[in-house]
Amino acid sequence: MDYMKTLASLSLGSRLKRLSDQLFAEVTVIYDGVGLKLNPSYFLLLNLINEKGTMGITQAAETLSISHPAVSKLANKMIKEGYLVKHPHLTDKRASNLSLTSYSIDIIKQAAPTWRAIQQQLDYIESLQTTPLLKAIDQFEHSLSHHRLAENVLQKLEKPVSKIEIVNWNSAYRNDFKKLNMSWLNSQFNGELTESDKQALNHPESYYLAKGGYLYFAKQNNKVVGCIAFMPIGKNDFELSKMAVATEAQGQGVGRKLLISVLDKVRELLTEKISLETNSKLLRAIQLYKHVGFVEKEHPNGKSEYKRADTYMELHLNG
């Protein structure tokens, strides 16, 4: 008995992963059989750059609809193994481009007949399907992107909780702001503090408010359970930072309410863009950011001043 099949749609992700693994295993056997030394997982990026030409990681991620960290990790492996080379962008000093090496060009020429033969066989197998697999995947991906799975399931599972109120800065919340953020830093990054962190947490009035920034707090049963900060960093440009939610209040939509309140405010201020820095291991936070419209981009300064930040995101507003 195939246990996965008994789980029906609950095992969809696992079955697609199993199918992917099976296909990669078959292709590996084919490559070995024709003496082709190539990792099957390199095909997408190799073929993309071969067809479209030199491009940056952000452009590649957007074209492939894969996350920036995933493409960056793959590119680094391919650079290390001699398939790609990274060089400075011609006009943007903050960016870099990827191009093929002579080694990878030779590999592509060698692999071309094999790829054509693989495609012919896969097209034949798909033709045997009552419903063509690729068409079904296209339809499912489209539906999944328009019917947010995580958001809809969580809404249905919401338990009755005490009302969450979003309030503006009050000096009485100064200790809560520091406590919530230090709890987050201690749990995720061993309490790492930069000089900017110290200034922001110890002197929020001068660090944020005096510069035209804002601090919002989430209160539940008259207790502060979450916070978020945002401040201008240029003309019509804001930066989001210091979002933290108390452990006991997580899973109740506190972060989403704080984030929506911020976006409402920056739209009111006719802000064109809001950005943030985060870490790729914070999957739930990144999913939340993406749900409200943030998109991963290359860092405008090349890298963050925070060692813990390896992901940069932007949201463009007001059109």
C-alpha atoms as a PDB file:
ATOM      1  CA  MET A   1       0.000   0.000   0.000  1.00  0.00           C
ATOM      2  CA  ASP A   2       1.228   3.489  -0.856  1.00  0.00           C
ATOM      3  CA  TYR A   3       0.529   5.361   2.368  1.00  0.00           C
ATOM      4  CA  MET A   4       0.955   8.766   0.708  1.00  0.00           C
ATOM      5  CA  LYS A   5      -1.980   8.046  -1.587  1.00  0.00           C
ATOM      6  CA  THR A   6      -4.241   7.347   1.395  1.00  0.00           C
ATOM      7  CA  LEU A   7      -3.611  10.913   2.605  1.00  0.00           C
ATOM      8  CA  ALA A   8      -4.991  12.357  -0.644  1.00  0.00           C
ATOM      9  CA  SER A   9      -4.396  16.138  -0.934  1.00  0.00           C
ATOM     10  CA  LEU A  10      -2.643  16.280   2.444  1.00  0.00           C
ATOM     11  CA  SER A  11       0.342  14.527   0.871  1.00  0.00           C
ATOM     12  CA  LEU A  12       0.402  16.698  -2.269  1.00  0.00           C
ATOM     13  CA  GLY A  13       3.656  18.464  -1.409  1.00  0.00           C
ATOM     14  CA  SER A  14       5.347  15.197  -0.432  1.00  0.00           C
ATOM     15  CA  ARG A  15       4.154  13.433  -3.581  1.00  0.00           C
ATOM     16  CA  LEU A  16       5.434  16.241  -5.796  1.00  0.00           C
ATOM     17  CA  LYS A  17       8.757  16.087  -3.939  1.00  0.00           C
ATOM     18  CA  ARG A  18       8.846  12.298  -4.425  1.00  0.00           C
ATOM     19  CA  LEU A  19       8.105  12.732  -8.135  1.00  0.00           C
ATOM     20  CA  SER A  20      10.829  15.366  -8.405  1.00  0.00           C
ATOM     21  CA  ASP A  21      13.334  13.097  -6.678  1.00  0.00           C
ATOM     22  CA  GLN A  22      12.399  10.250  -9.020  1.00  0.00           C
ATOM     23  CA  LEU A  23      12.861  12.431 -12.103  1.00  0.00           C
ATOM     24  CA  PHE A  24      16.220  13.726 -10.874  1.00  0.00           C
ATOM     25  CA  ALA A  25      17.335  10.145 -10.189  1.00  0.00           C
ATOM     26  CA  GLU A  26      16.350   9.059 -13.716  1.00  0.00           C
ATOM     27  CA  VAL A  27      18.168  12.021 -15.271  1.00  0.00           C
ATOM     28  CA  THR A  28      21.265  11.254 -13.187  1.00  0.00           C
ATOM     29  CA  VAL A  29      21.301   7.713 -14.611  1.00  0.00           C
ATOM     30  CA  ILE A  30      20.990   9.150 -18.134  1.00  0.00           C
ATOM     31  CA  TYR A  31      23.823  11.619 -17.560  1.00  0.00           C
ATOM     32  CA  ASP A  32      26.046   8.851 -16.199  1.00  0.00           C
ATOM     33  CA  GLY A  33      25.151   6.664 -19.179  1.00  0.00           C
ATOM     34  CA  VAL A  34      26.309   9.260 -21.717  1.00  0.00           C
ATOM     35  CA  GLY A  35      29.308  10.401 -19.677  1.00  0.00           C
ATOM     36  CA  LEU A  36      27.856  13.813 -18.864  1.00  0.00           C
ATOM     37  CA  LYS A  37      29.254  15.243 -15.625  1.00  0.00           C
ATOM     38  CA  LEU A  38      26.449  17.584 -14.613  1.00  0.00           C
ATOM     39  CA  ASN A  39      24.249  17.986 -11.554  1.00  0.00           C
ATOM     40  CA  PRO A  40      20.612  17.865 -12.795  1.00  0.00           C
ATOM     41  CA  SER A  41      19.694  20.672 -10.380  1.00  0.00           C
ATOM     42  CA  TYR A  42      21.951  23.055 -12.334  1.00  0.00           C
ATOM     43  CA  PHE A  43      19.866  22.778 -15.525  1.00  0.00           C
ATOM     44  CA  LEU A  44      17.434  25.653 -14.860  1.00  0.00           C
ATOM     45  CA  LEU A  45      19.990  28.366 -14.094  1.00  0.00           C
ATOM     46  CA  LEU A  46      22.440  27.079 -16.697  1.00  0.00           C
ATOM     47  CA  ASN A  47      19.798  27.059 -19.423  1.00  0.00           C
ATOM     48  CA  LEU A  48      18.332  30.414 -18.352  1.00  0.00           C
ATOM     49  CA  ILE A  49      21.641  32.271 -18.602  1.00  0.00           C
ATOM     50  CA  ASN A  50      22.489  30.476 -21.840  1.00  0.00           C
ATOM     51  CA  GLU A  51      19.198  31.631 -23.415  1.00  0.00           C
ATOM     52  CA  LYS A  52      18.777  35.087 -21.828  1.00  0.00           C
ATOM     53  CA  GLY A  53      22.400  36.110 -21.352  1.00  0.00           C
ATOM     54  CA  THR A  54      24.231  37.611 -18.387  1.00  0.00           C
ATOM     55  CA  MET A  55      21.959  38.548 -15.496  1.00  0.00           C
ATOM     56  CA  GLY A  56      21.921  39.267 -11.778  1.00  0.00           C
ATOM     57  CA  ILE A  57      20.612  36.941  -9.060  1.00  0.00           C
ATOM     58  CA  THR A  58      17.531  39.096  -8.463  1.00  0.00           C
ATOM     59  CA  GLN A  59      16.584  38.998 -12.163  1.00  0.00           C
ATOM     60  CA  ALA A  60      17.170  35.241 -12.257  1.00  0.00           C
ATOM     61  CA  ALA A  61      15.032  34.723  -9.140  1.00  0.00           C
ATOM     62  CA  GLU A  62      12.191  36.792 -10.601  1.00  0.00           C
ATOM     63  CA  THR A  63      12.379  35.040 -13.981  1.00  0.00           C
ATOM     64  CA  LEU A  64      12.348  31.575 -12.398  1.00  0.00           C
ATOM     65  CA  SER A  65       9.840  32.568  -9.656  1.00  0.00           C
ATOM     66  CA  ILE A  66      12.210  31.136  -7.054  1.00  0.00           C
ATOM     67  CA  SER A  67      13.326  32.901  -3.870  1.00  0.00           C
ATOM     68  CA  HIS A  68      16.434  35.078  -3.990  1.00  0.00           C
ATOM     69  CA  PRO A  69      18.247  33.044  -1.257  1.00  0.00           C
ATOM     70  CA  ALA A  70      17.583  29.782  -3.146  1.00  0.00           C
ATOM     71  CA  VAL A  71      19.008  31.152  -6.413  1.00  0.00           C
ATOM     72  CA  SER A  72      21.940  32.724  -4.576  1.00  0.00           C
ATOM     73  CA  LYS A  73      22.783  29.411  -2.885  1.00  0.00           C
ATOM     74  CA  LEU A  74      22.576  27.530  -6.194  1.00  0.00           C
ATOM     75  CA  ALA A  75      24.672  30.158  -7.993  1.00  0.00           C
ATOM     76  CA  ASN A  76      27.381  30.008  -5.342  1.00  0.00           C
ATOM     77  CA  LYS A  77      27.646  26.224  -5.776  1.00  0.00           C
ATOM     78  CA  MET A  78      27.861  26.602  -9.549  1.00  0.00           C
ATOM     79  CA  ILE A  79      30.506  29.320  -9.238  1.00  0.00           C
ATOM     80  CA  LYS A  80      32.537  27.095  -6.928  1.00  0.00           C
ATOM     81  CA  GLU A  81      32.356  24.216  -9.433  1.00  0.00           C
ATOM     82  CA  GLY A  82      33.311  26.378 -12.399  1.00  0.00           C
ATOM     83  CA  TYR A  83      29.960  26.669 -14.204  1.00  0.00           C
ATOM     84  CA  LEU A  84      29.360  30.370 -13.542  1.00  0.00           C
ATOM     85  CA  VAL A  85      31.438  33.467 -12.942  1.00  0.00           C
ATOM     86  CA  LYS A  86      30.345  36.544 -11.009  1.00  0.00           C
ATOM     87  CA  HIS A  87      31.493  39.983 -12.117  1.00  0.00           C
ATOM     88  CA  PRO A  88      30.519  43.629 -11.372  1.00  0.00           C
ATOM     89  CA  HIS A  89      27.483  45.180 -13.008  1.00  0.00           C
ATOM     90  CA  LEU A  90      28.432  47.630 -15.747  1.00  0.00           C
ATOM     91  CA  THR A  91      26.326  50.512 -14.411  1.00  0.00           C
ATOM     92  CA  ASP A  92      25.335  49.571 -10.849  1.00  0.00           C
ATOM     93  CA  LYS A  93      28.277  49.208  -8.466  1.00  0.00           C
ATOM     94  CA  ARG A  94      26.003  47.657  -5.830  1.00  0.00           C
ATOM     95  CA  ALA A  95      25.052  44.722  -8.047  1.00  0.00           C
ATOM     96  CA  SER A  96      26.854  41.849  -9.736  1.00  0.00           C
ATOM     97  CA  ASN A  97      26.068  39.692 -12.746  1.00  0.00           C
ATOM     98  CA  LEU A  98      26.354  35.987 -13.498  1.00  0.00           C
ATOM     99  CA  SER A  99      27.642  34.627 -16.779  1.00  0.00           C
ATOM    100  CA  LEU A 100      28.638  31.242 -18.164  1.00  0.00           C
ATOM    101  CA  THR A 101      32.201  29.973 -18.176  1.00  0.00           C
ATOM    102  CA  SER A 102      33.758  28.322 -21.204  1.00  0.00           C
ATOM    103  CA  TYR A 103      33.473  25.048 -19.278  1.00  0.00           C
ATOM    104  CA  SER A 104      29.699  25.377 -18.917  1.00  0.00           C
ATOM    105  CA  ILE A 105      29.329  26.393 -22.584  1.00  0.00           C
ATOM    106  CA  ASP A 106      31.072  23.150 -23.570  1.00  0.00           C
ATOM    107  CA  ILE A 107      28.826  21.198 -21.168  1.00  0.00           C
ATOM    108  CA  ILE A 108      25.708  22.746 -22.723  1.00  0.00           C
ATOM    109  CA  LYS A 109      26.824  21.788 -26.226  1.00  0.00           C
ATOM    110  CA  GLN A 110      27.541  18.272 -25.020  1.00  0.00           C
ATOM    111  CA  ALA A 111      24.229  18.021 -23.169  1.00  0.00           C
ATOM    112  CA  ALA A 112      21.948  19.431 -25.910  1.00  0.00           C
ATOM    113  CA  PRO A 113      21.208  16.088 -27.666  1.00  0.00           C
ATOM    114  CA  THR A 114      20.565  14.427 -24.297  1.00  0.00           C
ATOM    115  CA  TRP A 115      18.152  17.176 -23.229  1.00  0.00           C
ATOM    116  CA  ARG A 116      16.236  16.835 -26.514  1.00  0.00           C
ATOM    117  CA  ALA A 117      15.957  13.077 -26.030  1.00  0.00           C
ATOM    118  CA  ILE A 118      14.784  13.504 -22.414  1.00  0.00           C
ATOM    119  CA  GLN A 119      12.167  16.049 -23.476  1.00  0.00           C
ATOM    120  CA  GLN A 120      10.844  13.753 -26.207  1.00  0.00           C
ATOM    121  CA  GLN A 121      10.375  10.911 -23.738  1.00  0.00           C
ATOM    122  CA  LEU A 122       8.760  13.129 -21.097  1.00  0.00           C
ATOM    123  CA  ASP A 123       6.401  14.622 -23.707  1.00  0.00           C
ATOM    124  CA  TYR A 124       5.414  11.085 -24.699  1.00  0.00           C
ATOM    125  CA  ILE A 125       4.782  10.036 -21.089  1.00  0.00           C
ATOM    126  CA  GLU A 126       2.683  13.159 -20.529  1.00  0.00           C
ATOM    127  CA  SER A 127       0.681  12.437 -23.683  1.00  0.00           C
ATOM    128  CA  LEU A 128      -0.484   9.211 -22.037  1.00  0.00           C
ATOM    129  CA  GLN A 129      -2.135  11.181 -19.218  1.00  0.00           C
ATOM    130  CA  THR A 130      -5.889  11.754 -19.217  1.00  0.00           C
ATOM    131  CA  THR A 131      -5.133  15.235 -17.894  1.00  0.00           C
ATOM    132  CA  PRO A 132      -1.745  16.562 -19.047  1.00  0.00           C
ATOM    133  CA  LEU A 133       0.409  16.961 -15.923  1.00  0.00           C
ATOM    134  CA  LEU A 134       2.038  20.254 -16.886  1.00  0.00           C
ATOM    135  CA  LYS A 135      -1.323  21.859 -17.650  1.00  0.00           C
ATOM    136  CA  ALA A 136      -2.712  20.602 -14.340  1.00  0.00           C
ATOM    137  CA  ILE A 137       0.304  22.022 -12.481  1.00  0.00           C
ATOM    138  CA  ASP A 138      -0.162  25.375 -14.254  1.00  0.00           C
ATOM    139  CA  GLN A 139      -3.800  25.473 -13.153  1.00  0.00           C
ATOM    140  CA  PHE A 140      -2.986  24.436  -9.592  1.00  0.00           C
ATOM    141  CA  GLU A 141      -0.168  27.002  -9.237  1.00  0.00           C
ATOM    142  CA  HIS A 142      -2.511  29.710 -10.503  1.00  0.00           C
ATOM    143  CA  SER A 143      -5.248  28.725  -8.051  1.00  0.00           C
ATOM    144  CA  LEU A 144      -2.810  28.437  -5.147  1.00  0.00           C
ATOM    145  CA  SER A 145      -1.429  31.928  -5.785  1.00  0.00           C
ATOM    146  CA  HIS A 146      -4.951  33.419  -5.769  1.00  0.00           C
ATOM    147  CA  HIS A 147      -6.326  31.433  -2.823  1.00  0.00           C
ATOM    148  CA  ARG A 148      -3.804  31.940  -0.045  1.00  0.00           C
ATOM    149  CA  LEU A 149      -3.547  28.539   1.609  1.00  0.00           C
ATOM    150  CA  ALA A 150      -1.864  29.561   4.864  1.00  0.00           C
ATOM    151  CA  GLU A 151      -4.008  32.642   5.383  1.00  0.00           C
ATOM    152  CA  ASN A 152      -7.312  30.870   4.675  1.00  0.00           C
ATOM    153  CA  VAL A 153      -6.534  27.857   6.861  1.00  0.00           C
ATOM    154  CA  LEU A 154      -5.374  30.021   9.759  1.00  0.00           C
ATOM    155  CA  GLN A 155      -8.512  32.142   9.523  1.00  0.00           C
ATOM    156  CA  LYS A 156     -10.688  29.031   9.764  1.00  0.00           C
ATOM    157  CA  LEU A 157      -8.699  27.812  12.766  1.00  0.00           C
ATOM    158  CA  GLU A 158      -8.746  31.105  14.623  1.00  0.00           C
ATOM    159  CA  LYS A 159      -9.764  30.643  18.225  1.00  0.00           C
ATOM    160  CA  PRO A 160     -11.715  33.280  20.103  1.00  0.00           C
ATOM    161  CA  VAL A 161      -9.068  35.537  21.604  1.00  0.00           C
ATOM    162  CA  SER A 162      -9.097  38.807  23.430  1.00  0.00           C
ATOM    163  CA  LYS A 163      -9.245  41.832  21.186  1.00  0.00           C
ATOM    164  CA  ILE A 164      -5.911  43.143  19.961  1.00  0.00           C
ATOM    165  CA  GLU A 165      -5.619  46.920  19.939  1.00  0.00           C
ATOM    166  CA  ILE A 166      -2.946  48.795  17.966  1.00  0.00           C
ATOM    167  CA  VAL A 167      -1.821  52.002  19.686  1.00  0.00           C
ATOM    168  CA  ASN A 168       0.743  54.712  19.027  1.00  0.00           C
ATOM    169  CA  TRP A 169       3.856  55.523  21.050  1.00  0.00           C
ATOM    170  CA  ASN A 170       3.598  56.300  24.732  1.00  0.00           C
ATOM    171  CA  SER A 171       6.621  56.739  26.985  1.00  0.00           C
ATOM    172  CA  ALA A 172       5.044  54.156  29.295  1.00  0.00           C
ATOM    173  CA  TYR A 173       5.801  51.544  26.613  1.00  0.00           C
ATOM    174  CA  ARG A 174       9.559  52.258  26.477  1.00  0.00           C
ATOM    175  CA  ASN A 175      10.519  49.240  28.592  1.00  0.00           C
ATOM    176  CA  ASP A 176       8.088  47.002  26.683  1.00  0.00           C
ATOM    177  CA  PHE A 177       9.750  47.995  23.404  1.00  0.00           C
ATOM    178  CA  LYS A 178      13.183  46.986  24.657  1.00  0.00           C
ATOM    179  CA  LYS A 179      11.972  43.856  26.451  1.00  0.00           C
ATOM    180  CA  LEU A 180      10.098  42.487  23.420  1.00  0.00           C
ATOM    181  CA  ASN A 181      13.020  43.079  21.064  1.00  0.00           C
ATOM    182  CA  MET A 182      15.646  41.698  23.434  1.00  0.00           C
ATOM    183  CA  SER A 183      13.527  38.564  23.922  1.00  0.00           C
ATOM    184  CA  TRP A 184      13.453  38.123  20.122  1.00  0.00           C
ATOM    185  CA  LEU A 185      17.187  38.778  19.734  1.00  0.00           C
ATOM    186  CA  ASN A 186      18.036  36.358  22.555  1.00  0.00           C
ATOM    187  CA  SER A 187      15.870  33.574  21.133  1.00  0.00           C
ATOM    188  CA  GLN A 188      16.963  33.936  17.498  1.00  0.00           C
ATOM    189  CA  PHE A 189      20.430  35.511  17.465  1.00  0.00           C
ATOM    190  CA  ASN A 190      22.026  34.960  20.891  1.00  0.00           C
ATOM    191  CA  GLY A 191      21.340  38.539  21.933  1.00  0.00           C
ATOM    192  CA  GLU A 192      23.446  40.080  19.147  1.00  0.00           C
ATOM    193  CA  LEU A 193      23.404  43.875  19.499  1.00  0.00           C
ATOM    194  CA  THR A 194      24.881  46.402  17.097  1.00  0.00           C
ATOM    195  CA  GLU A 195      25.468  50.028  17.995  1.00  0.00           C
ATOM    196  CA  SER A 196      22.310  50.892  16.029  1.00  0.00           C
ATOM    197  CA  ASP A 197      20.351  48.332  18.068  1.00  0.00           C
ATOM    198  CA  LYS A 198      21.544  49.905  21.309  1.00  0.00           C
ATOM    199  CA  GLN A 199      20.541  53.376  20.180  1.00  0.00           C
ATOM    200  CA  ALA A 200      17.146  52.218  18.920  1.00  0.00           C
ATOM    201  CA  LEU A 201      16.247  50.174  22.005  1.00  0.00           C
ATOM    202  CA  ASN A 202      17.649  52.523  24.660  1.00  0.00           C
ATOM    203  CA  HIS A 203      16.612  55.813  23.054  1.00  0.00           C
ATOM    204  CA  PRO A 204      13.576  55.148  20.816  1.00  0.00           C
ATOM    205  CA  GLU A 205      12.354  58.747  21.034  1.00  0.00           C
ATOM    206  CA  SER A 206      15.516  60.231  19.535  1.00  0.00           C
ATOM    207  CA  TYR A 207      16.236  57.299  17.223  1.00  0.00           C
ATOM    208  CA  TYR A 208      12.749  57.088  15.693  1.00  0.00           C
ATOM    209  CA  LEU A 209      10.336  59.835  16.699  1.00  0.00           C
ATOM    210  CA  ALA A 210      12.751  62.771  16.437  1.00  0.00           C
ATOM    211  CA  LYS A 211      13.579  61.672  12.880  1.00  0.00           C
ATOM    212  CA  GLY A 212       9.957  61.542  11.774  1.00  0.00           C
ATOM    213  CA  GLY A 213       9.485  57.867  12.566  1.00  0.00           C
ATOM    214  CA  TYR A 214       6.732  55.995  14.369  1.00  0.00           C
ATOM    215  CA  LEU A 215       6.390  53.235  16.948  1.00  0.00           C
ATOM    216  CA  TYR A 216       3.230  51.154  17.166  1.00  0.00           C
ATOM    217  CA  PHE A 217       2.278  48.699  19.888  1.00  0.00           C
ATOM    218  CA  ALA A 218      -0.193  45.839  20.118  1.00  0.00           C
ATOM    219  CA  LYS A 219      -2.126  45.595  23.382  1.00  0.00           C
ATOM    220  CA  GLN A 220      -4.198  42.681  24.611  1.00  0.00           C
ATOM    221  CA  ASN A 221      -6.008  42.734  27.950  1.00  0.00           C
ATOM    222  CA  ASN A 222      -4.240  46.050  28.637  1.00  0.00           C
ATOM    223  CA  LYS A 223      -0.823  44.397  28.211  1.00  0.00           C
ATOM    224  CA  VAL A 224       1.702  45.211  25.467  1.00  0.00           C
ATOM    225  CA  VAL A 225       2.244  42.020  23.435  1.00  0.00           C
ATOM    226  CA  GLY A 226       3.864  43.360  20.266  1.00  0.00           C
ATOM    227  CA  CYS A 227       5.700  46.292  18.721  1.00  0.00           C
ATOM    228  CA  ILE A 228       6.941  47.617  15.397  1.00  0.00           C
ATOM    229  CA  ALA A 229       8.974  50.643  14.289  1.00  0.00           C
ATOM    230  CA  PHE A 230       9.299  52.477  10.996  1.00  0.00           C
ATOM    231  CA  MET A 231      11.110  55.633   9.992  1.00  0.00           C
ATOM    232  CA  PRO A 232      11.940  57.690   6.885  1.00  0.00           C
ATOM    233  CA  ILE A 233      15.300  56.928   5.261  1.00  0.00           C
ATOM    234  CA  GLY A 234      14.906  59.178   2.253  1.00  0.00           C
ATOM    235  CA  LYS A 235      12.345  61.134   0.302  1.00  0.00           C
ATOM    236  CA  ASN A 236       9.118  59.085   0.145  1.00  0.00           C
ATOM    237  CA  ASP A 237      11.026  56.087   1.497  1.00  0.00           C
ATOM    238  CA  PHE A 238      10.500  54.331   4.853  1.00  0.00           C
ATOM    239  CA  GLU A 239      12.270  51.463   6.587  1.00  0.00           C
ATOM    240  CA  LEU A 240      10.480  48.886   8.735  1.00  0.00           C
ATOM    241  CA  SER A 241      12.272  47.461  11.766  1.00  0.00           C
ATOM    242  CA  LYS A 242      12.038  46.042  15.279  1.00  0.00           C
ATOM    243  CA  MET A 243       8.872  43.985  14.854  1.00  0.00           C
ATOM    244  CA  ALA A 244       8.519  41.634  17.811  1.00  0.00           C
ATOM    245  CA  VAL A 245       5.624  39.693  19.335  1.00  0.00           C
ATOM    246  CA  ALA A 246       5.493  38.205  22.828  1.00  0.00           C
ATOM    247  CA  THR A 247       5.748  34.409  22.855  1.00  0.00           C
ATOM    248  CA  GLU A 248       2.370  33.965  24.525  1.00  0.00           C
ATOM    249  CA  ALA A 249       0.655  36.094  21.853  1.00  0.00           C
ATOM    250  CA  GLN A 250       2.156  34.444  18.781  1.00  0.00           C
ATOM    251  CA  GLY A 251      -0.230  32.714  16.402  1.00  0.00           C
ATOM    252  CA  GLN A 252      -3.000  35.246  17.024  1.00  0.00           C
ATOM    253  CA  GLY A 253      -2.313  37.549  14.089  1.00  0.00           C
ATOM    254  CA  VAL A 254      -0.556  40.217  16.173  1.00  0.00           C
ATOM    255  CA  GLY A 255       2.285  40.661  13.681  1.00  0.00           C
ATOM    256  CA  ARG A 256      -0.156  40.967  10.779  1.00  0.00           C
ATOM    257  CA  LYS A 257      -2.212  43.624  12.576  1.00  0.00           C
ATOM    258  CA  LEU A 258       0.923  45.626  13.358  1.00  0.00           C
ATOM    259  CA  LEU A 259       2.146  45.343   9.780  1.00  0.00           C
ATOM    260  CA  ILE A 260      -1.194  46.352   8.252  1.00  0.00           C
ATOM    261  CA  SER A 261      -1.333  49.373  10.568  1.00  0.00           C
ATOM    262  CA  VAL A 262       2.117  50.452   9.372  1.00  0.00           C
ATOM    263  CA  LEU A 263       1.155  50.075   5.708  1.00  0.00           C
ATOM    264  CA  ASP A 264      -2.030  52.072   6.261  1.00  0.00           C
ATOM    265  CA  LYS A 265       0.030  54.882   7.779  1.00  0.00           C
ATOM    266  CA  VAL A 266       2.755  55.012   5.124  1.00  0.00           C
ATOM    267  CA  ARG A 267       0.099  55.040   2.396  1.00  0.00           C
ATOM    268  CA  GLU A 268      -1.554  57.942   4.203  1.00  0.00           C
ATOM    269  CA  LEU A 269       1.827  59.716   4.109  1.00  0.00           C
ATOM    270  CA  LEU A 270       1.984  59.104   0.321  1.00  0.00           C
ATOM    271  CA  THR A 271       5.140  57.044   0.771  1.00  0.00           C
ATOM    272  CA  GLU A 272       6.400  55.418  -2.436  1.00  0.00           C
ATOM    273  CA  LYS A 273       8.403  52.582  -0.904  1.00  0.00           C
ATOM    274  CA  ILE A 274       8.979  50.775   2.375  1.00  0.00           C
ATOM    275  CA  SER A 275      11.833  48.325   2.883  1.00  0.00           C
ATOM    276  CA  LEU A 276      13.028  45.899   5.544  1.00  0.00           C
ATOM    277  CA  GLU A 277      15.890  43.570   6.370  1.00  0.00           C
ATOM    278  CA  THR A 278      15.415  40.109   7.832  1.00  0.00           C
ATOM    279  CA  ASN A 279      16.971  36.658   7.978  1.00  0.00           C
ATOM    280  CA  SER A 280      16.137  33.815   5.602  1.00  0.00           C
ATOM    281  CA  LYS A 281      15.647  31.395   8.508  1.00  0.00           C
ATOM    282  CA  LEU A 282      12.649  33.403   9.759  1.00  0.00           C
ATOM    283  CA  LEU A 283      10.272  31.637   7.378  1.00  0.00           C
ATOM    284  CA  ARG A 284       6.998  32.690   9.039  1.00  0.00           C
ATOM    285  CA  ALA A 285       8.007  36.341   9.070  1.00  0.00           C
ATOM    286  CA  ILE A 286       9.079  36.243   5.418  1.00  0.00           C
ATOM    287  CA  GLN A 287       5.797  34.600   4.428  1.00  0.00           C
ATOM    288  CA  LEU A 288       3.902  37.337   6.274  1.00  0.00           C
ATOM    289  CA  TYR A 289       5.875  40.030   4.461  1.00  0.00           C
ATOM    290  CA  LYS A 290       5.246  38.371   1.107  1.00  0.00           C
ATOM    291  CA  HIS A 291       1.514  38.054   1.831  1.00  0.00           C
ATOM    292  CA  VAL A 292       1.208  41.822   2.175  1.00  0.00           C
ATOM    293  CA  GLY A 293       3.251  42.488  -0.968  1.00  0.00           C
ATOM    294  CA  PHE A 294       6.939  42.671  -0.032  1.00  0.00           C
ATOM    295  CA  VAL A 295       9.353  41.292  -2.643  1.00  0.00           C
ATOM    296  CA  GLU A 296      12.941  40.121  -2.145  1.00  0.00           C
ATOM    297  CA  LYS A 297      15.538  42.345  -3.817  1.00  0.00           C
ATOM    298  CA  GLU A 298      19.301  42.780  -3.866  1.00  0.00           C
ATOM    299  CA  HIS A 299      20.446  45.015  -1.010  1.00  0.00           C
ATOM    300  CA  PRO A 300      20.933  48.598  -2.275  1.00  0.00           C
ATOM    301  CA  ASN A 301      24.195  48.854  -0.299  1.00  0.00           C
ATOM    302  CA  GLY A 302      25.455  45.444  -1.300  1.00  0.00           C
ATOM    303  CA  LYS A 303      24.977  44.052   2.200  1.00  0.00           C
ATOM    304  CA  SER A 304      23.390  44.967   5.526  1.00  0.00           C
ATOM    305  CA  GLU A 305      25.160  46.515   8.500  1.00  0.00           C
ATOM    306  CA  TYR A 306      23.552  43.721  10.538  1.00  0.00           C
ATOM    307  CA  LYS A 307      25.319  40.342  10.368  1.00  0.00           C
ATOM    308  CA  ARG A 308      21.995  38.665  11.120  1.00  0.00           C
ATOM    309  CA  ALA A 309      20.286  40.185   8.060  1.00  0.00           C
ATOM    310  CA  ASP A 310      20.772  38.245   4.813  1.00  0.00           C
ATOM    311  CA  THR A 311      17.466  39.102   3.130  1.00  0.00           C
ATOM    312  CA  TYR A 312      16.320  42.509   1.867  1.00  0.00           C
ATOM    313  CA  MET A 313      12.696  43.177   0.860  1.00  0.00           C
ATOM    314  CA  GLU A 314      10.758  46.098  -0.614  1.00  0.00           C
ATOM    315  CA  LEU A 315       7.133  47.061  -1.091  1.00  0.00           C
ATOM    316  CA  HIS A 316       6.229  49.813  -3.550  1.00  0.00           C
ATOM    317  CA  LEU A 317       3.072  51.736  -2.641  1.00  0.00           C
ATOM    318  CA  ASN A 318       0.590  54.175  -4.157  1.00  0.00           C
ATOM    319  CA  GLY A 319       0.744  52.626  -7.573  1.00  0.00           C
END
